Amino acid sequence: MEKYGDPLTVYLDGYLHDIHEAEELMLDVFAYLFTKKPRIREGGFKAYLYKAARHMALRHKSKRRLMFSLDALTEEPDGQQLAEEVTGKTVKQITNLVYRGKESLRKLLEREGITNAEP
C-alpha cells in the first residue's frame, strides 16, 4: 500500500472525480486483494492491481446515481418528474414493474391456495 496507494488513488480519481471516494475505493481494492488472495503471475502485481481498481471504479460509478436534495426544491415537482428523479425510471417503466410484481404475487398466492385475490 505504501508503494502503490497514492498513485492508485490518483488513478481512481480520474474515473470517479472525487478524491475521497477514490481513497475509499483504493482501500477496498487492497482489502479485496488481501482477503481473496488471487493468483497473480510473477511481476504482474501492479498490472493486476490497476486492472482490479479500474473494474471496481467502473462498477462503483455505474451504481452511483445523482441524488437530488429536497432542500433545493423551491416548489413541489409533478408526480412524473419526481418518480423519474427518485427511481431513475420513467412512469411507464414503473407501471410495468408494478404490473409484473402484482402478477408474480398473484401466482405465489395461488400456490399457497389463495385463489380469490382480486386484480
N, C-alpha and C. Protein backbone atom coordinates (compact mmCIF):
# COMPACT_ATOMS: atom_id res chain seq x y z
N MET A 1 0.83 -1.20 0.00
CA MET A 1 0.00 0.00 0.00
C MET A 1 0.86 1.25 0.00
N GLU A 2 2.01 1.18 0.67
CA GLU A 2 2.88 2.36 0.70
C GLU A 2 3.37 2.71 -0.70
N LYS A 3 3.69 1.69 -1.48
CA LYS A 3 4.26 1.92 -2.81
C LYS A 3 3.21 2.37 -3.82
N TYR A 4 2.04 1.74 -3.80
CA TYR A 4 1.05 1.99 -4.84
C TYR A 4 -0.18 2.77 -4.39
N GLY A 5 -0.33 3.03 -3.10
CA GLY A 5 -1.54 3.66 -2.58
C GLY A 5 -1.86 5.02 -3.19
N ASP A 6 -0.90 5.95 -3.12
CA ASP A 6 -1.15 7.30 -3.64
C ASP A 6 -1.35 7.33 -5.16
N PRO A 7 -0.47 6.66 -5.93
CA PRO A 7 -0.70 6.67 -7.39
C PRO A 7 -2.03 6.00 -7.77
N LEU A 8 -2.41 4.96 -7.05
CA LEU A 8 -3.67 4.28 -7.34
C LEU A 8 -4.85 5.18 -7.03
N THR A 9 -4.75 5.96 -5.96
CA THR A 9 -5.81 6.89 -5.61
C THR A 9 -5.99 7.94 -6.71
N VAL A 10 -4.90 8.45 -7.22
CA VAL A 10 -4.97 9.44 -8.30
C VAL A 10 -5.57 8.79 -9.56
N TYR A 11 -5.19 7.56 -9.84
CA TYR A 11 -5.73 6.83 -10.98
C TYR A 11 -7.25 6.67 -10.84
N LEU A 12 -7.70 6.27 -9.66
CA LEU A 12 -9.13 6.09 -9.41
C LEU A 12 -9.89 7.41 -9.47
N ASP A 13 -9.24 8.48 -9.02
CA ASP A 13 -9.87 9.79 -9.07
C ASP A 13 -10.16 10.21 -10.50
N GLY A 14 -9.35 9.74 -11.43
CA GLY A 14 -9.60 10.02 -12.84
C GLY A 14 -10.92 9.43 -13.32
N TYR A 15 -11.34 8.33 -12.72
CA TYR A 15 -12.63 7.72 -13.07
C TYR A 15 -13.78 8.31 -12.27
N LEU A 16 -13.54 8.53 -10.98
CA LEU A 16 -14.63 8.91 -10.09
C LEU A 16 -14.82 10.42 -9.93
N HIS A 17 -13.76 11.18 -10.15
CA HIS A 17 -13.79 12.65 -10.00
C HIS A 17 -14.18 13.06 -8.58
N ASP A 18 -13.76 12.26 -7.62
CA ASP A 18 -13.99 12.56 -6.21
C ASP A 18 -12.85 11.89 -5.43
N ILE A 19 -11.94 12.69 -4.92
CA ILE A 19 -10.74 12.15 -4.29
C ILE A 19 -11.06 11.32 -3.05
N HIS A 20 -12.11 11.70 -2.33
CA HIS A 20 -12.47 10.95 -1.12
C HIS A 20 -13.02 9.56 -1.47
N GLU A 21 -13.85 9.50 -2.49
CA GLU A 21 -14.34 8.20 -2.96
C GLU A 21 -13.19 7.37 -3.52
N ALA A 22 -12.26 8.02 -4.18
CA ALA A 22 -11.11 7.32 -4.74
C ALA A 22 -10.27 6.70 -3.63
N GLU A 23 -10.08 7.43 -2.54
CA GLU A 23 -9.32 6.89 -1.41
C GLU A 23 -10.03 5.67 -0.81
N GLU A 24 -11.34 5.77 -0.64
CA GLU A 24 -12.11 4.66 -0.10
C GLU A 24 -12.02 3.44 -1.02
N LEU A 25 -12.13 3.67 -2.30
CA LEU A 25 -12.08 2.57 -3.25
C LEU A 25 -10.69 1.96 -3.31
N MET A 26 -9.66 2.78 -3.16
CA MET A 26 -8.29 2.26 -3.13
C MET A 26 -8.13 1.29 -1.96
N LEU A 27 -8.68 1.65 -0.81
CA LEU A 27 -8.64 0.75 0.35
C LEU A 27 -9.42 -0.53 0.07
N ASP A 28 -10.56 -0.39 -0.60
CA ASP A 28 -11.37 -1.55 -0.94
C ASP A 28 -10.62 -2.50 -1.89
N VAL A 29 -9.88 -1.94 -2.83
CA VAL A 29 -9.11 -2.76 -3.77
C VAL A 29 -8.05 -3.57 -3.03
N PHE A 30 -7.32 -2.91 -2.14
CA PHE A 30 -6.29 -3.62 -1.38
C PHE A 30 -6.93 -4.65 -0.44
N ALA A 31 -8.06 -4.30 0.17
CA ALA A 31 -8.75 -5.25 1.04
C ALA A 31 -9.19 -6.48 0.25
N TYR A 32 -9.68 -6.25 -0.96
CA TYR A 32 -10.07 -7.35 -1.83
C TYR A 32 -8.87 -8.26 -2.10
N LEU A 33 -7.74 -7.68 -2.45
CA LEU A 33 -6.56 -8.48 -2.78
C LEU A 33 -6.05 -9.24 -1.56
N PHE A 34 -6.11 -8.62 -0.39
CA PHE A 34 -5.62 -9.29 0.81
C PHE A 34 -6.55 -10.41 1.26
N THR A 35 -7.83 -10.24 1.06
CA THR A 35 -8.77 -11.28 1.51
C THR A 35 -8.93 -12.40 0.50
N LYS A 36 -9.02 -12.08 -0.77
CA LYS A 36 -9.24 -13.10 -1.81
C LYS A 36 -7.96 -13.80 -2.22
N LYS A 37 -6.83 -13.11 -2.12
CA LYS A 37 -5.52 -13.65 -2.49
C LYS A 37 -5.55 -14.35 -3.85
N PRO A 38 -5.87 -13.59 -4.90
CA PRO A 38 -5.92 -14.21 -6.23
C PRO A 38 -4.52 -14.60 -6.70
N ARG A 39 -4.49 -15.57 -7.60
CA ARG A 39 -3.20 -15.96 -8.17
C ARG A 39 -2.75 -14.89 -9.15
N ILE A 40 -1.60 -14.34 -8.88
CA ILE A 40 -1.04 -13.29 -9.73
C ILE A 40 0.32 -13.78 -10.21
N ARG A 41 0.52 -13.71 -11.51
CA ARG A 41 1.80 -14.21 -12.04
C ARG A 41 2.96 -13.35 -11.57
N GLU A 42 4.11 -13.90 -11.62
CA GLU A 42 5.33 -13.23 -11.17
C GLU A 42 5.52 -11.90 -11.90
N GLY A 43 5.66 -10.82 -11.17
CA GLY A 43 5.87 -9.50 -11.74
C GLY A 43 4.61 -8.83 -12.24
N GLY A 44 3.45 -9.42 -12.00
CA GLY A 44 2.21 -8.87 -12.52
C GLY A 44 1.33 -8.19 -11.48
N PHE A 45 1.86 -7.94 -10.30
CA PHE A 45 1.04 -7.37 -9.23
C PHE A 45 0.49 -5.99 -9.60
N LYS A 46 1.35 -5.11 -10.11
CA LYS A 46 0.92 -3.75 -10.41
C LYS A 46 -0.18 -3.75 -11.48
N ALA A 47 0.00 -4.54 -12.52
CA ALA A 47 -1.00 -4.61 -13.59
C ALA A 47 -2.32 -5.15 -13.05
N TYR A 48 -2.24 -6.19 -12.21
CA TYR A 48 -3.45 -6.77 -11.64
C TYR A 48 -4.13 -5.77 -10.72
N LEU A 49 -3.34 -5.07 -9.93
CA LEU A 49 -3.87 -4.08 -9.00
C LEU A 49 -4.64 -2.99 -9.75
N TYR A 50 -4.06 -2.45 -10.80
CA TYR A 50 -4.71 -1.39 -11.56
C TYR A 50 -5.92 -1.90 -12.34
N LYS A 51 -5.85 -3.13 -12.82
CA LYS A 51 -6.99 -3.70 -13.52
C LYS A 51 -8.16 -3.90 -12.56
N ALA A 52 -7.88 -4.42 -11.37
CA ALA A 52 -8.93 -4.61 -10.37
C ALA A 52 -9.50 -3.26 -9.94
N ALA A 53 -8.64 -2.26 -9.79
CA ALA A 53 -9.09 -0.93 -9.39
C ALA A 53 -9.97 -0.31 -10.46
N ARG A 54 -9.59 -0.46 -11.71
CA ARG A 54 -10.40 0.08 -12.80
C ARG A 54 -11.77 -0.59 -12.82
N HIS A 55 -11.78 -1.90 -12.68
CA HIS A 55 -13.05 -2.64 -12.67
C HIS A 55 -13.94 -2.17 -11.52
N MET A 56 -13.38 -2.03 -10.34
CA MET A 56 -14.16 -1.57 -9.18
C MET A 56 -14.65 -0.14 -9.38
N ALA A 57 -13.82 0.70 -9.96
CA ALA A 57 -14.22 2.10 -10.18
C ALA A 57 -15.38 2.19 -11.16
N LEU A 58 -15.32 1.42 -12.22
CA LEU A 58 -16.41 1.44 -13.21
C LEU A 58 -17.70 0.89 -12.62
N ARG A 59 -17.59 -0.17 -11.82
CA ARG A 59 -18.79 -0.71 -11.16
C ARG A 59 -19.36 0.29 -10.17
N HIS A 60 -18.48 0.94 -9.42
CA HIS A 60 -18.91 1.93 -8.44
C HIS A 60 -19.58 3.11 -9.12
N LYS A 61 -18.98 3.53 -10.22
CA LYS A 61 -19.51 4.68 -10.94
C LYS A 61 -20.87 4.37 -11.55
N SER A 62 -21.07 3.15 -12.03
CA SER A 62 -22.36 2.80 -12.63
C SER A 62 -23.45 2.68 -11.56
N LYS A 63 -23.08 2.33 -10.34
CA LYS A 63 -24.06 2.21 -9.26
C LYS A 63 -24.41 3.56 -8.65
N ARG A 64 -23.48 4.48 -8.76
CA ARG A 64 -23.69 5.79 -8.16
C ARG A 64 -24.67 6.58 -9.01
N ARG A 65 -25.68 7.12 -8.38
CA ARG A 65 -26.66 7.94 -9.08
C ARG A 65 -26.62 9.35 -8.54
N LEU A 66 -27.02 10.24 -9.39
CA LEU A 66 -27.14 11.62 -8.93
C LEU A 66 -28.34 11.73 -8.02
N MET A 67 -28.12 12.24 -6.85
CA MET A 67 -29.21 12.41 -5.90
C MET A 67 -29.64 13.87 -5.92
N PHE A 68 -30.91 14.08 -5.74
CA PHE A 68 -31.38 15.45 -5.65
C PHE A 68 -31.69 15.74 -4.20
N SER A 69 -31.58 16.99 -3.85
CA SER A 69 -31.80 17.40 -2.47
C SER A 69 -33.20 17.98 -2.34
N LEU A 70 -33.92 17.53 -1.32
CA LEU A 70 -35.24 18.08 -1.08
C LEU A 70 -35.14 19.55 -0.66
N ASP A 71 -34.03 19.92 -0.05
CA ASP A 71 -33.84 21.31 0.36
C ASP A 71 -33.71 22.25 -0.83
N ALA A 72 -33.23 21.71 -1.96
CA ALA A 72 -33.03 22.55 -3.13
C ALA A 72 -34.33 22.79 -3.91
N LEU A 73 -35.38 22.04 -3.57
CA LEU A 73 -36.64 22.21 -4.28
C LEU A 73 -37.34 23.49 -3.79
N THR A 74 -37.71 24.33 -4.72
CA THR A 74 -38.43 25.55 -4.37
C THR A 74 -39.93 25.36 -4.43
N GLU A 75 -40.36 24.40 -5.24
CA GLU A 75 -41.78 24.06 -5.35
C GLU A 75 -41.90 22.56 -5.53
N GLU A 76 -43.06 22.03 -5.31
CA GLU A 76 -43.26 20.60 -5.43
C GLU A 76 -43.26 20.19 -6.89
N PRO A 77 -42.38 19.23 -7.26
CA PRO A 77 -42.37 18.78 -8.65
C PRO A 77 -43.60 17.93 -8.94
N ASP A 78 -43.94 17.83 -10.23
CA ASP A 78 -45.09 16.99 -10.57
C ASP A 78 -44.71 15.52 -10.37
N GLY A 79 -45.72 14.69 -10.28
CA GLY A 79 -45.53 13.27 -9.97
C GLY A 79 -44.61 12.55 -10.93
N GLN A 80 -44.74 12.86 -12.22
CA GLN A 80 -43.92 12.18 -13.21
C GLN A 80 -42.45 12.54 -13.03
N GLN A 81 -42.15 13.82 -12.86
CA GLN A 81 -40.76 14.25 -12.68
C GLN A 81 -40.18 13.65 -11.40
N LEU A 82 -40.97 13.65 -10.33
CA LEU A 82 -40.50 13.12 -9.05
C LEU A 82 -40.20 11.62 -9.17
N ALA A 83 -41.09 10.88 -9.82
CA ALA A 83 -40.88 9.44 -9.99
C ALA A 83 -39.62 9.17 -10.80
N GLU A 84 -39.39 9.94 -11.84
CA GLU A 84 -38.21 9.73 -12.68
C GLU A 84 -36.93 10.08 -11.93
N GLU A 85 -36.96 11.14 -11.12
CA GLU A 85 -35.75 11.53 -10.39
C GLU A 85 -35.43 10.56 -9.26
N VAL A 86 -36.44 10.11 -8.55
CA VAL A 86 -36.20 9.24 -7.40
C VAL A 86 -35.78 7.85 -7.83
N THR A 87 -36.48 7.27 -8.79
CA THR A 87 -36.21 5.88 -9.17
C THR A 87 -35.28 5.73 -10.36
N GLY A 88 -35.13 6.77 -11.13
CA GLY A 88 -34.34 6.65 -12.35
C GLY A 88 -35.10 5.92 -13.44
N LYS A 89 -36.41 5.76 -13.27
CA LYS A 89 -37.26 5.07 -14.23
C LYS A 89 -38.36 6.01 -14.70
N THR A 90 -38.85 5.76 -15.89
CA THR A 90 -39.97 6.55 -16.38
C THR A 90 -41.25 6.03 -15.74
N VAL A 91 -42.32 6.81 -15.84
CA VAL A 91 -43.61 6.39 -15.28
C VAL A 91 -44.06 5.08 -15.93
N LYS A 92 -43.85 4.93 -17.22
CA LYS A 92 -44.23 3.71 -17.93
C LYS A 92 -43.45 2.51 -17.38
N GLN A 93 -42.16 2.68 -17.13
CA GLN A 93 -41.36 1.59 -16.57
C GLN A 93 -41.84 1.22 -15.18
N ILE A 94 -42.20 2.21 -14.37
CA ILE A 94 -42.71 1.94 -13.03
C ILE A 94 -44.03 1.20 -13.11
N THR A 95 -44.90 1.63 -14.03
CA THR A 95 -46.18 0.95 -14.22
C THR A 95 -45.97 -0.51 -14.59
N ASN A 96 -45.04 -0.77 -15.49
CA ASN A 96 -44.75 -2.15 -15.90
C ASN A 96 -44.20 -2.97 -14.74
N LEU A 97 -43.32 -2.37 -13.94
CA LEU A 97 -42.77 -3.08 -12.78
C LEU A 97 -43.86 -3.45 -11.78
N VAL A 98 -44.76 -2.51 -11.51
CA VAL A 98 -45.85 -2.78 -10.58
C VAL A 98 -46.75 -3.89 -11.12
N TYR A 99 -47.06 -3.84 -12.40
CA TYR A 99 -47.90 -4.87 -13.01
C TYR A 99 -47.25 -6.25 -12.89
N ARG A 100 -45.97 -6.34 -13.24
CA ARG A 100 -45.27 -7.63 -13.15
C ARG A 100 -45.18 -8.10 -11.71
N GLY A 101 -45.00 -7.18 -10.77
CA GLY A 101 -44.96 -7.54 -9.36
C GLY A 101 -46.28 -8.10 -8.88
N LYS A 102 -47.38 -7.48 -9.30
CA LYS A 102 -48.71 -7.96 -8.93
C LYS A 102 -48.97 -9.35 -9.51
N GLU A 103 -48.56 -9.57 -10.74
CA GLU A 103 -48.74 -10.88 -11.37
C GLU A 103 -47.92 -11.95 -10.63
N SER A 104 -46.70 -11.62 -10.26
CA SER A 104 -45.86 -12.57 -9.52
C SER A 104 -46.47 -12.89 -8.16
N LEU A 105 -46.97 -11.87 -7.49
CA LEU A 105 -47.61 -12.06 -6.19
C LEU A 105 -48.85 -12.92 -6.32
N ARG A 106 -49.66 -12.69 -7.36
CA ARG A 106 -50.86 -13.48 -7.59
C ARG A 106 -50.50 -14.96 -7.76
N LYS A 107 -49.44 -15.25 -8.53
CA LYS A 107 -49.01 -16.64 -8.73
C LYS A 107 -48.56 -17.27 -7.42
N LEU A 108 -47.83 -16.52 -6.60
CA LEU A 108 -47.40 -17.04 -5.31
C LEU A 108 -48.58 -17.33 -4.39
N LEU A 109 -49.54 -16.44 -4.38
CA LEU A 109 -50.73 -16.64 -3.56
C LEU A 109 -51.52 -17.87 -4.02
N GLU A 110 -51.63 -18.07 -5.32
CA GLU A 110 -52.34 -19.22 -5.85
C GLU A 110 -51.64 -20.52 -5.44
N ARG A 111 -50.32 -20.53 -5.42
CA ARG A 111 -49.57 -21.71 -4.98
C ARG A 111 -49.87 -22.02 -3.51
N GLU A 112 -50.13 -20.99 -2.73
CA GLU A 112 -50.45 -21.17 -1.32
C GLU A 112 -51.92 -21.51 -1.10
N GLY A 113 -52.70 -21.54 -2.16
CA GLY A 113 -54.08 -21.93 -2.05
C GLY A 113 -55.05 -20.76 -1.97
N ILE A 114 -54.57 -19.56 -2.12
CA ILE A 114 -55.44 -18.38 -2.09
C ILE A 114 -55.81 -18.05 -3.53
N THR A 115 -57.07 -18.27 -3.88
CA THR A 115 -57.47 -18.08 -5.27
C THR A 115 -58.39 -16.90 -5.48
N ASN A 116 -58.83 -16.26 -4.41
CA ASN A 116 -59.77 -15.15 -4.56
C ASN A 116 -59.08 -13.79 -4.53
N ALA A 117 -57.80 -13.73 -4.88
CA ALA A 117 -57.07 -12.46 -4.91
C ALA A 117 -57.61 -11.62 -6.07
N GLU A 118 -57.97 -10.39 -5.77
CA GLU A 118 -58.53 -9.50 -6.79
C GLU A 118 -57.42 -8.88 -7.63
N PRO A 119 -57.71 -8.60 -8.91
CA PRO A 119 -56.70 -7.99 -9.79
C PRO A 119 -56.38 -6.56 -9.42
